[in-house]
Amino acid sequence: MLRTLCAFAITAILVVGVAFEADARRFGGSFKFSSARSYKAPAFKSFSKRTTPRPKATTSRPNTQSAASRTSSRGFGGGTRASANASAARRASTSSRLASKPTNNFRSNRQQNAYKNYQSQQQAKFRGTSSSSNTAASSSPLYRKASQNSGRNRSDYWDRRDSFYGGWNAPNYVYMGAPRYGMFDGMFLGYMLGHAFTPHYSAFAYHHRSDPGMQAWMADMERQAAENAEVKVQLTALKAEMAKLEGTPIDPAYFPPGIDPDMVMAVDVVKALAPTFRLCTARVEGNYHRFGEILQQVSGDNVLIEIVNTAGSMQNLEYLEEDKCDGAYVQRNAFGIYAERNPSGGYDFERVATPAVEFAHMICNRDSDVDEVGDLPGKSLLIDAVGSGTEVTWADFVTMDDNYNTVETQTIGGSSALNRVATGEADCMMYVASLNTQLLQRANTLGDDVVLVPVNDWDFNNKEYGHGKLFKGHQDPSGQDVYVFLDIPDDQYPKIQDGIFFSDVETLSVPVDMVANLAWRDENAEAYEQLLGAVLDAQPVINTLTSEH
């Protein structure tokens, strides 16, 4: 009976909508709705408290009533909803605006020109290095140490090398060997042999005696020692000094003190040396992790991207402040909340880009009687782990409308949350993410059990970005709405989007920012330019990943 009444009501609304649309067209316009297709990242502006009008779309949807005329006791209404919806044929032939218009926003002209610098930089002595040159070495703690310590000084590598070996006349046995043994420089190993009685050098041979490169070098020296008395004397001395260290715990990261780590590495390994950029993402099954993997692939040898999985945006900001990561993906609403919770925070980072927009996906059990977010009071909701962007967003929702204080929440997320909703152990879950994450794809296979419902309480878009101390020394995106209402497009998740004629699901969206630590930027100036270039290279792939399907 209820379904019959609902169908009758929808039919009535559509009839009224046709009339409204006809009147609108008669007066030269039509009623419009916001959608993902009309999203454009706001330009960064100086700090100012103001309300920004919601985005207007440029195309119309026929047979749909204007939401500006709807009222509700839950605070819907207030302001005009704008919208965009293309026909099915146009949608099939036209790529998403999210895909065709990347949302990268750069701090300065320097950042805007970084990609050109990245493409055109001349590194004469290091050009032509392939990724294979450091593949075996890159997992070694020696390589990591060399990358972090002196990889950024590649431009003066040859001067430092000449200075290091200056005054030493390399014996013939050095040139009789190979230029490279594994990741080790043949010249350095010859120098080590010539200084066998210096404890730091014999200790280096001891701590790395199990390394395949060191073993290959030792075997080569044994062959030379059979015919060369000088090599035999030096090799015997080195072995004797190494024997004195028996029982000392092996340190796989040992370097002789006072020596630049890249002096130890083979020349073609040094060519590929790059500083490590620890990038905080989120869960492995989320898109932040996938963004990080894409950046890893396109950055190649220029910057070593090390992915750090976390609970999400709030923990990412924590880790930035605690120097546990050098950059992070962060929901824009998290900055203000983190600033409120941590008023003494340093915020020594800058925005690199805005790679995507995220949507508040509200997934509910079909028997929960939750048809929209306003039905949640008195129900149970899973809001992901503490520190996640979803948990932060829900905290913001409660602040903006205290009716949601009566919702019973648990900090459970991911597949565990989805399973509980599907089996009816919880009424709903919220998951703030860009389109097409692995978790949402899995939710779409559970259409008999779960449904995607609107997050359409208009109290939720009243929050402005007003924390001037963020992004120290740089412009703030203040004055822009943190949240913007958009539609999850028709049939994005066809098995969990209900609707007789249209299955768009109205929800809140929030941009995602990638930020980088200022200290890392300043210590790795050359690599930072290359990182910015890699971010731009990664954007088209990210656009494809998060576009409408």
Protein backbone atom coordinates (compact mmCIF):
# COMPACT_ATOMS: atom_id res chain seq x y z
CA MET A 1 0.00 0.00 0.00
CA LEU A 2 2.84 2.37 0.99
CA ARG A 3 4.68 1.70 -2.28
CA THR A 4 1.45 2.43 -4.23
CA LEU A 5 0.97 5.75 -2.42
CA CYS A 6 4.65 6.67 -3.04
CA ALA A 7 4.33 5.88 -6.74
CA PHE A 8 1.15 7.98 -6.95
CA ALA A 9 2.87 10.88 -5.16
CA ILE A 10 5.91 10.74 -7.46
CA THR A 11 3.66 10.73 -10.53
CA ALA A 12 1.84 13.79 -9.19
CA ILE A 13 5.12 15.61 -8.56
CA LEU A 14 6.29 14.86 -12.10
CA VAL A 15 3.09 16.23 -13.57
CA VAL A 16 3.52 19.41 -11.52
CA GLY A 17 7.16 19.48 -12.58
CA VAL A 18 6.20 19.42 -16.24
CA ALA A 19 3.92 22.40 -15.66
CA PHE A 20 6.62 24.28 -13.75
CA GLU A 21 9.11 23.51 -16.48
CA ALA A 22 6.74 24.74 -19.16
CA ASP A 23 6.20 28.00 -17.27
CA ALA A 24 9.89 28.41 -16.74
CA ARG A 25 10.69 27.90 -20.41
CA ARG A 26 7.93 30.38 -21.29
CA PHE A 27 9.79 33.04 -19.32
CA GLY A 28 13.15 32.21 -20.83
CA GLY A 29 14.64 29.83 -18.24
CA SER A 30 14.20 26.53 -16.50
CA PHE A 31 14.69 25.00 -13.08
CA LYS A 32 18.17 23.66 -12.45
CA PHE A 33 19.89 21.28 -10.07
CA SER A 34 23.50 20.85 -9.01
CA SER A 35 25.29 17.68 -10.03
CA ALA A 36 28.78 16.24 -10.10
CA ARG A 37 29.00 17.32 -13.71
CA SER A 38 28.84 21.01 -12.76
CA TYR A 39 31.42 20.89 -9.98
CA LYS A 40 34.38 23.23 -10.28
CA ALA A 41 36.93 23.61 -7.50
CA PRO A 42 36.76 27.11 -5.98
CA ALA A 43 39.67 29.44 -6.56
CA PHE A 44 41.67 30.22 -3.42
CA LYS A 45 40.85 33.60 -2.00
CA SER A 46 42.12 35.77 0.79
CA PHE A 47 40.55 35.24 4.19
CA SER A 48 37.09 36.74 4.42
CA LYS A 49 33.89 35.64 6.09
CA ARG A 50 31.14 35.53 3.53
CA THR A 51 28.64 33.15 2.10
CA THR A 52 29.34 31.99 -1.45
CA PRO A 53 26.30 31.26 -3.62
CA ARG A 54 25.86 27.65 -4.57
CA PRO A 55 27.10 26.80 -8.06
CA LYS A 56 24.72 27.33 -10.94
CA ALA A 57 24.53 24.80 -13.73
CA THR A 58 24.06 25.61 -17.37
CA THR A 59 21.75 22.87 -18.57
CA SER A 60 18.23 21.97 -17.51
CA ARG A 61 16.43 18.83 -16.51
CA PRO A 62 12.90 18.45 -17.87
CA ASN A 63 9.99 17.14 -15.82
CA THR A 64 11.57 17.88 -12.44
CA GLN A 65 10.17 20.15 -9.75
CA SER A 66 12.36 22.90 -8.34
CA ALA A 67 13.67 21.98 -4.93
CA ALA A 68 13.60 25.63 -3.94
CA SER A 69 9.83 25.21 -3.60
CA ARG A 70 10.17 22.30 -1.17
CA THR A 71 9.97 22.88 2.56
CA SER A 72 10.68 20.57 5.43
CA SER A 73 10.75 20.64 9.21
CA ARG A 74 14.29 19.27 9.04
CA GLY A 75 15.75 22.45 7.60
CA PHE A 76 15.68 21.68 3.88
CA GLY A 77 15.19 24.77 1.81
CA GLY A 78 16.62 28.20 2.05
CA GLY A 79 18.50 29.26 -1.06
CA THR A 80 18.00 28.21 -4.64
CA ARG A 81 19.18 24.84 -5.84
CA ALA A 82 20.85 24.90 -9.23
CA SER A 83 21.31 21.81 -11.31
CA ALA A 84 22.79 20.27 -14.41
CA ASN A 85 21.74 17.14 -16.19
CA ALA A 86 22.61 16.16 -19.74
CA SER A 87 20.63 13.75 -21.85
CA ALA A 88 21.65 10.09 -21.91
CA ALA A 89 23.16 10.50 -25.38
CA ARG A 90 25.23 13.47 -24.34
CA ARG A 91 26.35 11.71 -21.15
CA ALA A 92 27.53 8.78 -23.23
CA SER A 93 29.58 10.98 -25.54
CA THR A 94 30.87 13.65 -23.18
CA SER A 95 33.42 13.00 -20.44
CA SER A 96 32.74 14.10 -16.88
CA ARG A 97 33.63 17.62 -15.94
CA LEU A 98 35.54 16.12 -13.07
CA ALA A 99 37.60 14.26 -15.65
CA SER A 100 37.98 17.02 -18.22
CA LYS A 101 38.70 19.85 -15.80
CA PRO A 102 41.33 18.86 -13.24
CA THR A 103 40.97 20.66 -9.94
CA ASN A 104 44.67 21.37 -9.39
CA ASN A 105 45.17 24.71 -7.67
CA PHE A 106 48.69 26.00 -7.16
CA ARG A 107 49.96 28.38 -4.53
CA SER A 108 52.07 30.59 -6.78
CA ASN A 109 53.45 31.14 -10.25
CA ARG A 110 56.41 29.07 -9.14
CA GLN A 111 54.16 26.07 -8.69
CA GLN A 112 52.31 26.76 -11.91
CA ASN A 113 55.60 26.68 -13.80
CA ALA A 114 56.91 23.61 -11.99
CA TYR A 115 55.69 21.19 -14.60
CA LYS A 116 57.62 22.99 -17.32
CA ASN A 117 60.73 22.89 -15.15
CA TYR A 118 60.12 19.22 -14.47
CA GLN A 119 59.93 18.43 -18.18
CA SER A 120 62.92 20.53 -19.25
CA GLN A 121 65.48 20.18 -16.45
CA GLN A 122 68.97 19.40 -17.62
CA GLN A 123 70.88 16.87 -15.53
CA ALA A 124 73.78 16.11 -17.85
CA LYS A 125 75.64 13.59 -15.77
CA PHE A 126 72.51 11.75 -14.69
CA ARG A 127 70.42 11.71 -17.86
CA GLY A 128 69.20 8.46 -19.37
CA THR A 129 68.88 6.49 -16.16
CA SER A 130 66.20 3.82 -16.30
CA SER A 131 64.13 2.69 -13.34
CA SER A 132 65.87 -0.67 -13.43
CA SER A 133 69.10 0.89 -12.22
CA ASN A 134 67.84 1.25 -8.68
CA THR A 135 65.21 -1.49 -8.50
CA ALA A 136 67.36 -3.92 -6.51
CA ALA A 137 69.00 -1.23 -4.40
CA SER A 138 65.88 0.72 -3.50
CA SER A 139 64.77 -1.80 -0.88
CA SER A 140 68.09 -1.49 0.96
CA PRO A 141 68.33 0.76 4.03
CA LEU A 142 71.61 2.01 2.57
CA TYR A 143 69.77 3.31 -0.48
CA ARG A 144 67.13 4.96 1.65
CA LYS A 145 69.78 6.58 3.81
CA ALA A 146 71.66 7.81 0.76
CA SER A 147 68.44 9.16 -0.75
CA GLN A 148 67.46 11.08 2.36
CA ASN A 149 70.93 12.32 3.19
CA SER A 150 72.53 13.37 -0.06
CA GLY A 151 70.26 12.52 -2.96
CA ARG A 152 69.15 16.13 -3.16
CA ASN A 153 72.75 17.21 -3.82
CA ARG A 154 73.10 15.34 -7.09
CA SER A 155 74.16 18.50 -8.92
CA ASP A 156 77.49 18.60 -7.09
CA TYR A 157 78.02 14.84 -6.94
CA TRP A 158 81.11 14.80 -9.19
CA ASP A 159 82.77 17.67 -7.32
CA ARG A 160 82.25 15.87 -4.02
CA ARG A 161 83.52 12.63 -5.51
CA ASP A 162 86.68 14.32 -6.82
CA SER A 163 87.22 15.87 -3.40
CA PHE A 164 86.68 12.56 -1.60
CA TYR A 165 89.24 10.65 -3.69
CA GLY A 166 91.60 13.61 -4.07
CA GLY A 167 95.18 12.72 -3.05
CA TRP A 168 94.58 8.95 -3.34
CA ASN A 169 96.31 7.20 -6.17
CA ALA A 170 94.04 4.27 -6.95
CA PRO A 171 96.10 1.06 -7.33
CA ASN A 172 95.85 -1.05 -10.48
CA TYR A 173 93.70 -3.65 -8.73
CA VAL A 174 90.88 -1.14 -8.54
CA TYR A 175 90.81 -0.77 -12.30
CA MET A 176 91.16 -4.51 -12.76
CA GLY A 177 87.84 -4.95 -10.98
CA ALA A 178 84.31 -4.00 -12.06
CA PRO A 179 82.99 -0.44 -11.77
CA ARG A 180 79.99 -1.75 -9.85
CA TYR A 181 79.28 -4.64 -7.50
CA GLY A 182 75.57 -4.76 -6.86
CA MET A 183 74.70 -1.34 -5.44
CA PHE A 184 78.28 -0.64 -4.35
CA ASP A 185 80.76 1.52 -6.23
CA GLY A 186 83.88 -0.46 -7.29
CA MET A 187 86.07 2.60 -6.65
CA PHE A 188 84.80 2.90 -3.08
CA LEU A 189 85.34 -0.81 -2.34
CA GLY A 190 88.91 -0.47 -3.65
CA TYR A 191 89.38 2.54 -1.37
CA MET A 192 87.99 0.49 1.52
CA LEU A 193 90.51 -2.28 0.82
CA GLY A 194 93.35 0.23 0.69
CA HIS A 195 92.30 1.52 4.13
CA ALA A 196 91.74 -1.88 5.73
CA PHE A 197 93.33 -0.84 9.03
CA THR A 198 90.90 2.07 9.42
CA PRO A 199 88.17 0.68 11.72
CA HIS A 200 85.27 2.37 9.95
CA TYR A 201 86.13 0.77 6.61
CA SER A 202 86.68 -2.74 7.92
CA ALA A 203 83.42 -2.33 9.86
CA PHE A 204 81.65 -1.46 6.60
CA ALA A 205 82.92 -4.70 5.03
CA TYR A 206 81.85 -6.62 8.15
CA HIS A 207 78.30 -5.27 8.36
CA HIS A 208 77.66 -5.84 4.64
CA ARG A 209 79.52 -9.12 4.17
CA SER A 210 76.26 -10.95 3.33
CA ASP A 211 75.30 -8.49 0.62
CA PRO A 212 75.53 -10.15 -2.84
CA GLY A 213 77.49 -7.19 -4.18
CA MET A 214 80.03 -7.36 -1.35
CA GLN A 215 80.38 -11.13 -1.81
CA ALA A 216 80.95 -10.70 -5.55
CA TRP A 217 83.64 -8.12 -4.85
CA MET A 218 85.34 -10.36 -2.25
CA ALA A 219 85.39 -13.24 -4.77
CA ASP A 220 86.92 -10.93 -7.38
CA MET A 221 89.61 -9.81 -4.93
CA GLU A 222 90.38 -13.45 -4.06
CA ARG A 223 91.03 -14.14 -7.73
CA GLN A 224 93.29 -11.11 -8.01
CA ALA A 225 95.10 -12.04 -4.78
CA ALA A 226 96.20 -15.34 -6.31
CA GLU A 227 98.35 -13.35 -8.76
CA ASN A 228 98.88 -9.98 -7.04
CA ALA A 229 100.88 -9.86 -3.78
CA GLU A 230 99.66 -6.34 -2.96
CA VAL A 231 96.03 -7.41 -3.15
CA LYS A 232 96.80 -10.50 -1.05
CA VAL A 233 98.36 -8.40 1.74
CA GLN A 234 95.49 -5.92 1.76
CA LEU A 235 92.80 -8.63 1.64
CA THR A 236 94.44 -10.57 4.49
CA ALA A 237 94.52 -7.39 6.58
CA LEU A 238 90.88 -6.64 5.85
CA LYS A 239 89.78 -10.14 6.86
CA ALA A 240 91.76 -9.91 10.09
CA GLU A 241 90.09 -6.60 11.00
CA MET A 242 86.66 -8.01 10.16
CA ALA A 243 87.36 -11.04 12.39
CA LYS A 244 87.84 -8.71 15.36
CA LEU A 245 84.19 -7.69 15.01
CA GLU A 246 82.75 -11.21 15.25
CA GLY A 247 79.75 -11.21 17.58
CA THR A 248 78.90 -7.57 16.86
CA PRO A 249 75.24 -7.32 15.74
CA ILE A 250 74.96 -6.70 12.02
CA ASP A 251 73.71 -3.22 11.09
CA PRO A 252 72.36 -3.32 7.51
CA ALA A 253 72.28 0.50 7.40
CA TYR A 254 75.91 0.99 8.48
CA PHE A 255 77.90 3.73 6.75
CA PRO A 256 81.41 4.88 7.64
CA PRO A 257 80.83 8.09 9.61
CA GLY A 258 81.76 11.37 7.99
CA ILE A 259 81.23 10.09 4.45
CA ASP A 260 78.42 11.20 2.18
CA PRO A 261 76.32 8.05 1.69
CA ASP A 262 76.14 8.46 -2.07
CA MET A 263 79.94 8.04 -2.26
CA VAL A 264 79.42 4.37 -1.38
CA MET A 265 76.82 3.70 -4.05
CA ALA A 266 77.53 2.75 -7.66
CA VAL A 267 77.44 5.70 -10.04
CA ASP A 268 74.38 4.52 -11.94
CA VAL A 269 72.58 3.92 -8.63
CA VAL A 270 73.45 7.47 -7.61
CA LYS A 271 71.88 8.63 -10.85
CA ALA A 272 68.57 7.34 -9.56
CA LEU A 273 68.94 8.59 -6.00
CA ALA A 274 65.89 10.52 -4.95
CA PRO A 275 64.56 11.69 -1.60
CA THR A 276 61.74 9.75 -0.02
CA PHE A 277 58.38 11.50 0.24
CA ARG A 278 56.22 9.83 2.88
CA LEU A 279 52.63 10.27 1.71
CA CYS A 280 49.82 9.74 4.21
CA THR A 281 46.72 8.30 2.54
CA ALA A 282 43.99 6.30 4.32
CA ARG A 283 42.63 2.74 4.12
CA VAL A 284 44.05 0.43 1.47
CA GLU A 285 40.56 -0.02 0.01
CA GLY A 286 39.99 3.73 -0.42
CA ASN A 287 40.86 6.11 -3.22
CA TYR A 288 43.50 8.05 -1.26
CA HIS A 289 45.60 4.88 -1.30
CA ARG A 290 44.98 4.48 -5.01
CA PHE A 291 45.91 8.14 -5.62
CA GLY A 292 49.19 7.43 -3.83
CA GLU A 293 49.84 4.36 -5.98
CA ILE A 294 49.23 6.39 -9.15
CA LEU A 295 51.65 9.06 -7.94
CA GLN A 296 54.21 6.35 -7.13
CA GLN A 297 54.04 5.05 -10.69
CA VAL A 298 54.35 8.38 -12.48
CA SER A 299 57.08 9.79 -10.21
CA GLY A 300 59.52 7.04 -11.22
CA ASP A 301 63.04 7.70 -9.91
CA ASN A 302 62.55 11.41 -9.34
CA VAL A 303 60.94 11.06 -5.91
CA LEU A 304 60.47 7.86 -3.93
CA ILE A 305 56.83 7.92 -2.83
CA GLU A 306 56.37 5.90 0.34
CA ILE A 307 52.69 5.31 1.11
CA VAL A 308 51.70 5.54 4.77
CA ASN A 309 48.26 4.06 5.43
CA THR A 310 46.25 5.80 8.15
CA ALA A 311 42.73 6.11 9.52
CA GLY A 312 42.16 9.15 7.30
CA SER A 313 42.26 12.93 7.17
CA MET A 314 42.55 13.81 10.86
CA GLN A 315 45.30 11.28 11.47
CA ASN A 316 47.04 12.57 8.36
CA LEU A 317 47.15 16.05 9.87
CA GLU A 318 48.45 14.57 13.12
CA TYR A 319 51.17 12.70 11.27
CA LEU A 320 52.16 15.84 9.35
CA GLU A 321 52.60 17.72 12.61
CA GLU A 322 54.50 14.81 14.21
CA ASP A 323 56.79 14.46 11.17
CA LYS A 324 55.55 10.96 10.42
CA CYS A 325 54.74 11.94 6.84
CA ASP A 326 55.88 14.60 4.41
CA GLY A 327 52.59 15.05 2.58
CA ALA A 328 48.99 13.90 2.77
CA TYR A 329 45.57 13.79 1.18
CA VAL A 330 43.09 15.64 3.42
CA GLN A 331 39.37 16.40 3.17
CA ARG A 332 39.04 20.15 3.25
CA ASN A 333 36.56 20.11 6.11
CA ALA A 334 39.19 18.42 8.31
CA PHE A 335 41.51 21.44 8.46
CA GLY A 336 39.12 23.62 10.42
CA ILE A 337 38.11 20.87 12.83
CA TYR A 338 41.74 19.94 13.44
CA ALA A 339 42.55 23.61 14.11
CA GLU A 340 39.75 23.79 16.68
CA ARG A 341 40.95 20.63 18.41
CA ASN A 342 44.64 21.57 18.21
CA PRO A 343 44.83 25.35 18.61
CA SER A 344 48.62 25.27 19.10
CA GLY A 345 49.28 23.35 15.89
CA GLY A 346 52.01 24.55 13.54
CA TYR A 347 50.40 23.78 10.16
CA ASP A 348 53.73 24.05 8.37
CA PHE A 349 52.51 22.75 5.04
CA GLU A 350 51.16 24.08 1.78
CA ARG A 351 48.56 22.92 -0.68
CA VAL A 352 49.98 21.16 -3.72
CA ALA A 353 46.75 20.39 -5.58
CA THR A 354 43.07 19.58 -5.27
CA PRO A 355 42.87 16.26 -7.10
CA ALA A 356 39.25 15.25 -6.50
CA VAL A 357 35.89 15.95 -4.91
CA GLU A 358 34.34 13.55 -2.41
CA PHE A 359 30.72 12.69 -1.71
CA ALA A 360 28.97 11.78 1.51
CA HIS A 361 27.66 8.30 0.64
CA MET A 362 24.90 7.23 3.06
CA ILE A 363 24.27 3.49 2.66
CA CYS A 364 21.33 2.01 4.57
CA ASN A 365 19.70 -1.37 5.03
CA ARG A 366 16.57 -1.59 2.88
CA ASP A 367 14.47 -2.52 5.93
CA SER A 368 15.78 0.36 8.07
CA ASP A 369 12.99 2.84 7.11
CA VAL A 370 15.70 5.43 6.37
CA ASP A 371 14.90 7.12 3.06
CA GLU A 372 17.07 10.21 3.60
CA VAL A 373 19.48 11.58 6.17
CA GLY A 374 16.68 13.32 8.05
CA ASP A 375 15.28 9.91 9.05
CA LEU A 376 18.47 9.02 10.99
CA PRO A 377 17.59 10.37 14.48
CA GLY A 378 16.82 7.35 16.63
CA LYS A 379 18.62 4.99 14.24
CA SER A 380 22.11 3.46 14.31
CA LEU A 381 24.93 4.73 12.10
CA LEU A 382 28.50 3.50 11.49
CA ILE A 383 30.86 6.46 10.95
CA ASP A 384 34.26 4.84 10.29
CA ALA A 385 37.37 4.98 12.48
CA VAL A 386 38.24 7.88 14.76
CA GLY A 387 40.42 10.24 12.73
CA SER A 388 38.85 9.34 9.41
CA GLY A 389 37.34 11.95 7.13
CA THR A 390 33.94 10.31 7.56
CA GLU A 391 34.06 10.57 11.35
CA VAL A 392 35.11 14.23 11.05
CA THR A 393 32.28 14.97 8.63
CA TRP A 394 29.68 13.39 10.90
CA ALA A 395 30.99 15.45 13.83
CA ASP A 396 30.49 18.53 11.64
CA PHE A 397 26.93 17.43 10.80
CA VAL A 398 26.03 17.16 14.49
CA THR A 399 27.50 20.62 15.11
CA MET A 400 25.42 22.13 12.31
CA ASP A 401 22.16 20.38 13.29
CA ASP A 402 21.86 19.05 16.83
CA ASN A 403 18.88 16.87 15.84
CA TYR A 404 21.48 14.27 14.93
CA ASN A 405 22.68 13.95 18.53
CA THR A 406 20.10 11.20 18.97
CA VAL A 407 21.71 9.02 16.29
CA GLU A 408 23.48 6.02 17.83
CA THR A 409 26.95 5.95 16.28
CA GLN A 410 29.83 3.51 16.28
CA THR A 411 33.32 4.09 14.88
CA ILE A 412 33.34 1.14 12.48
CA GLY A 413 34.17 1.49 8.81
CA GLY A 414 35.24 -0.30 5.66
CA SER A 415 34.01 -3.75 4.76
CA SER A 416 33.09 -4.49 8.38
CA ALA A 417 30.62 -1.60 8.38
CA LEU A 418 29.17 -2.60 5.02
CA ASN A 419 28.62 -6.17 6.19
CA ARG A 420 26.83 -5.00 9.33
CA VAL A 421 24.48 -2.78 7.35
CA ALA A 422 23.79 -5.50 4.79
CA THR A 423 22.88 -8.00 7.52
CA GLY A 424 20.78 -5.52 9.48
CA GLU A 425 23.11 -5.27 12.51
CA ALA A 426 23.21 -1.52 11.87
CA ASP A 427 20.72 0.70 10.08
CA CYS A 428 23.18 2.78 8.04
CA MET A 429 26.81 3.65 7.40
CA MET A 430 28.36 6.84 6.08
CA TYR A 431 31.40 6.82 3.83
CA VAL A 432 32.88 10.08 2.52
CA ALA A 433 34.84 9.25 -0.62
CA SER A 434 35.28 10.07 -4.27
CA LEU A 435 33.37 7.98 -6.77
CA ASN A 436 34.24 4.37 -7.56
CA THR A 437 36.22 3.25 -4.53
CA GLN A 438 36.56 -0.49 -4.06
CA LEU A 439 34.20 -0.37 -1.07
CA LEU A 440 31.49 1.41 -3.06
CA GLN A 441 31.88 -1.02 -5.92
CA ARG A 442 31.33 -3.82 -3.43
CA ALA A 443 28.28 -2.05 -1.97
CA ASN A 444 26.83 -1.95 -5.48
CA THR A 445 26.77 -5.78 -5.52
CA LEU A 446 24.52 -5.82 -2.44
CA GLY A 447 21.49 -4.13 -3.99
CA ASP A 448 19.03 -6.61 -2.49
CA ASP A 449 20.13 -5.58 0.99
CA VAL A 450 21.30 -1.95 0.91
CA VAL A 451 20.32 1.34 -0.74
CA LEU A 452 22.06 4.70 -1.25
CA VAL A 453 19.99 7.49 0.36
CA PRO A 454 20.20 11.30 0.01
CA VAL A 455 22.17 13.48 2.41
CA ASN A 456 19.96 16.46 1.74
CA ASP A 457 19.64 18.47 4.95
CA TRP A 458 20.31 22.04 3.89
CA ASP A 459 21.62 22.96 7.34
CA PHE A 460 24.74 21.06 6.35
CA ASN A 461 26.07 23.56 3.84
CA ASN A 462 26.20 26.54 6.21
CA LYS A 463 29.81 25.98 7.27
CA GLU A 464 32.48 28.28 5.90
CA TYR A 465 36.22 27.82 5.82
CA GLY A 466 37.43 30.41 8.31
CA HIS A 467 40.81 29.46 9.78
CA GLY A 468 43.31 32.05 8.62
CA LYS A 469 46.31 30.49 10.32
CA LEU A 470 46.23 27.38 8.15
CA PHE A 471 48.73 27.14 5.29
CA LYS A 472 51.29 29.29 7.05
CA GLY A 473 52.51 32.18 4.95
CA HIS A 474 50.17 31.44 2.05
CA GLN A 475 46.70 32.32 0.91
CA ASP A 476 43.74 30.56 2.44
CA PRO A 477 40.68 29.30 0.58
CA SER A 478 38.59 31.20 3.14
CA GLY A 479 35.19 32.45 2.17
CA GLN A 480 34.41 29.36 0.12
CA ASP A 481 31.78 26.88 1.23
CA VAL A 482 33.34 23.77 2.70
CA TYR A 483 30.37 21.73 1.52
CA VAL A 484 28.50 21.96 -1.77
CA PHE A 485 25.37 20.01 -2.68
CA LEU A 486 25.88 17.81 -5.74
CA ASP A 487 24.10 14.79 -7.18
CA ILE A 488 25.66 11.37 -7.42
CA PRO A 489 24.81 10.85 -11.08
CA ASP A 490 22.17 8.51 -12.52
CA ASP A 491 23.17 4.89 -12.36
CA GLN A 492 26.58 5.52 -10.82
CA TYR A 493 25.83 2.57 -8.55
CA PRO A 494 22.78 1.19 -10.39
CA LYS A 495 21.91 -1.61 -7.95
CA ILE A 496 21.70 0.68 -4.92
CA GLN A 497 20.28 3.86 -6.52
CA ASP A 498 16.49 3.73 -6.59
CA GLY A 499 14.22 5.85 -8.74
CA ILE A 500 11.43 5.38 -11.27
CA PHE A 501 12.66 7.94 -13.81
CA PHE A 502 15.78 9.46 -12.26
CA SER A 503 18.14 7.79 -9.81
CA ASP A 504 20.35 10.79 -8.97
CA VAL A 505 21.13 10.89 -5.25
CA GLU A 506 21.54 14.34 -3.76
CA THR A 507 24.37 14.59 -1.24
CA LEU A 508 27.07 16.87 0.12
CA SER A 509 30.46 17.08 -1.53
CA VAL A 510 33.79 18.26 -0.12
CA PRO A 511 37.07 18.81 -2.00
CA VAL A 512 40.23 16.79 -1.32
CA ASP A 513 43.50 18.66 -0.96
CA MET A 514 47.01 17.27 -1.29
CA VAL A 515 49.42 19.10 1.01
CA ALA A 516 53.20 18.97 1.42
CA ASN A 517 55.46 19.77 4.35
CA LEU A 518 57.31 23.09 3.99
CA ALA A 519 60.53 21.74 5.53
CA TRP A 520 60.62 18.85 3.03
CA ARG A 521 60.01 21.29 0.20
CA ASP A 522 62.87 23.55 1.29
CA GLU A 523 65.31 20.68 1.87
CA ASN A 524 64.49 19.02 -1.46
CA ALA A 525 64.00 21.95 -3.80
CA GLU A 526 64.84 20.10 -7.01
CA ALA A 527 62.84 17.02 -6.08
CA TYR A 528 59.89 19.20 -5.05
CA GLU A 529 59.67 20.65 -8.53
CA GLN A 530 59.69 17.12 -9.90
CA LEU A 531 57.03 16.09 -7.38
CA LEU A 532 54.77 18.88 -8.62
CA GLY A 533 55.29 17.65 -12.16
CA ALA A 534 54.44 14.10 -11.12
CA VAL A 535 51.25 15.37 -9.43
CA LEU A 536 50.17 16.89 -12.73
CA ASP A 537 51.09 13.71 -14.59
CA ALA A 538 48.96 11.71 -12.16
CA GLN A 539 45.87 13.93 -12.48
CA PRO A 540 44.42 12.53 -15.73
CA VAL A 541 44.59 9.01 -14.30
CA ILE A 542 42.93 10.17 -11.07
CA ASN A 543 40.24 11.93 -13.12
CA THR A 544 39.49 8.69 -14.93
CA LEU A 545 39.40 6.76 -11.67
CA THR A 546 36.93 9.13 -10.02
CA SER A 547 34.78 10.05 -13.03
CA GLU A 548 31.18 9.05 -13.62
CA HIS A 549 30.71 5.46 -14.73
